[in-house]
């Protein structure tokens, strides 16, 4: 049986892996598997090249992943700004903040 790299360090340290070591390794493997999905897609090369240049990335995988992160982050920011504009969040107004900054007498 091949020893996973994460556990081989434990053996190199001169001790046997504990159940905690095994649990941490399993958690890492499960986390990696659940966050990555392999797929095949057709990409328009001109659009890819523009995105790659704009994002400063190198390969297909890096460019696609970064583009997905950028779009996701932009949407999160848009939703947050909308919540602020709508008054859904109970935020301190600039006037209230100025009043809070005044020295107490």
Protein backbone atom coordinates (compact mmCIF):
# COMPACT_ATOMS: atom_id res chain seq x y z
CA UNK A 1 0.00 0.00 0.00
CA UNK A 2 1.33 3.46 -0.93
CA UNK A 3 1.62 5.86 1.99
CA UNK A 4 0.04 9.26 1.24
CA UNK A 5 2.50 12.16 1.33
CA UNK A 6 0.72 13.81 4.28
CA UNK A 7 1.25 10.67 6.37
CA UNK A 8 4.74 9.93 5.08
CA UNK A 9 5.98 13.02 6.95
CA UNK A 10 4.70 11.47 10.16
CA UNK A 11 6.71 8.33 9.47
CA UNK A 12 9.76 10.41 8.59
CA UNK A 13 9.43 12.11 11.97
CA UNK A 14 9.93 8.67 13.53
CA UNK A 15 6.43 7.99 14.77
CA UNK A 16 3.42 6.04 13.63
CA UNK A 17 0.37 7.98 12.40
CA UNK A 18 -2.30 8.47 15.02
CA UNK A 19 -6.03 8.44 14.39
CA UNK A 20 -5.83 12.24 14.45
CA UNK A 21 -3.25 12.18 11.66
CA UNK A 22 -5.48 9.90 9.63
CA UNK A 23 -8.56 12.05 10.28
CA UNK A 24 -6.71 15.20 9.18
CA UNK A 25 -5.53 13.46 6.02
CA UNK A 26 -9.03 12.20 5.21
CA UNK A 27 -10.46 15.68 5.81
CA UNK A 28 -7.90 17.16 3.41
CA UNK A 29 -8.65 14.59 0.73
CA UNK A 30 -12.43 14.95 1.09
CA UNK A 31 -12.16 18.73 1.01
CA UNK A 32 -10.03 18.63 -2.14
CA UNK A 33 -12.40 16.25 -3.88
CA UNK A 34 -15.51 18.21 -2.98
CA UNK A 35 -14.15 21.56 -4.21
CA UNK A 36 -12.79 20.50 -7.59
CA UNK A 37 -14.78 19.26 -10.57
CA UNK A 38 -13.06 18.11 -13.74
CA UNK A 39 -14.89 18.92 -16.95
CA UNK A 40 -14.37 19.60 -20.65
CA UNK A 41 -15.57 22.88 -22.12
CA UNK A 42 -15.26 24.70 -25.42
CA UNK A 43 -13.68 28.13 -24.97
CA UNK A 44 -13.71 30.99 -27.47
CA UNK A 45 -10.01 31.68 -27.95
CA UNK A 46 -10.28 35.49 -28.47
CA UNK A 47 -12.40 35.85 -25.31
CA UNK A 48 -9.98 33.61 -23.41
CA UNK A 49 -6.97 35.63 -24.55
CA UNK A 50 -8.62 38.90 -23.48
CA UNK A 51 -9.53 37.45 -20.08
CA UNK A 52 -6.05 35.99 -19.62
CA UNK A 53 -4.44 39.33 -20.37
CA UNK A 54 -6.87 41.28 -18.16
CA UNK A 55 -6.45 38.87 -15.25
CA UNK A 56 -2.70 38.43 -15.65
CA UNK A 57 -3.00 34.64 -15.66
CA UNK A 58 -1.06 32.08 -17.70
CA UNK A 59 -2.95 28.90 -18.55
CA UNK A 60 -6.50 27.81 -19.24
CA UNK A 61 -7.18 26.41 -15.78
CA UNK A 62 -5.79 29.44 -13.96
CA UNK A 63 -7.65 31.88 -16.22
CA UNK A 64 -11.01 30.12 -15.97
CA UNK A 65 -10.75 29.72 -12.18
CA UNK A 66 -9.72 33.36 -11.67
CA UNK A 67 -12.50 34.58 -13.98
CA UNK A 68 -15.04 32.57 -11.96
CA UNK A 69 -13.69 34.04 -8.71
CA UNK A 70 -13.83 37.59 -10.13
CA UNK A 71 -17.42 37.20 -11.33
CA UNK A 72 -18.48 35.64 -8.02
CA UNK A 73 -16.81 38.40 -5.99
CA UNK A 74 -18.37 41.11 -8.18
CA UNK A 75 -21.83 39.60 -7.60
CA UNK A 76 -21.24 39.43 -3.83
CA UNK A 77 -20.22 43.09 -3.82
CA UNK A 78 -23.24 44.05 -5.95
CA UNK A 79 -25.60 42.28 -3.55
CA UNK A 80 -23.93 43.90 -0.54
CA UNK A 81 -24.16 47.37 -2.10
CA UNK A 82 -27.83 46.76 -2.90
CA UNK A 83 -28.51 45.77 0.72
CA UNK A 84 -26.79 48.94 1.92
CA UNK A 85 -28.73 51.14 -0.54
CA UNK A 86 -32.05 49.53 0.37
CA UNK A 87 -31.50 50.14 4.08
CA UNK A 88 -31.68 46.42 4.85
CA UNK A 89 -28.56 46.74 7.00
CA UNK A 90 -28.60 48.73 10.20
CA UNK A 91 -25.45 50.77 9.56
CA UNK A 92 -24.14 53.85 11.31
CA UNK A 93 -24.73 57.00 9.25
CA UNK A 94 -21.90 59.51 8.74
CA UNK A 95 -23.73 61.91 11.06
CA UNK A 96 -24.04 59.26 13.79
CA UNK A 97 -20.38 58.37 13.36
CA UNK A 98 -19.36 62.02 13.74
CA UNK A 99 -21.44 62.26 16.94
CA UNK A 100 -19.77 59.12 18.30
CA UNK A 101 -16.32 60.57 17.63
CA UNK A 102 -16.93 63.72 19.66
CA UNK A 103 -15.10 63.83 23.01
CA UNK A 104 -17.27 63.10 26.02
CA UNK A 105 -17.58 65.80 28.59
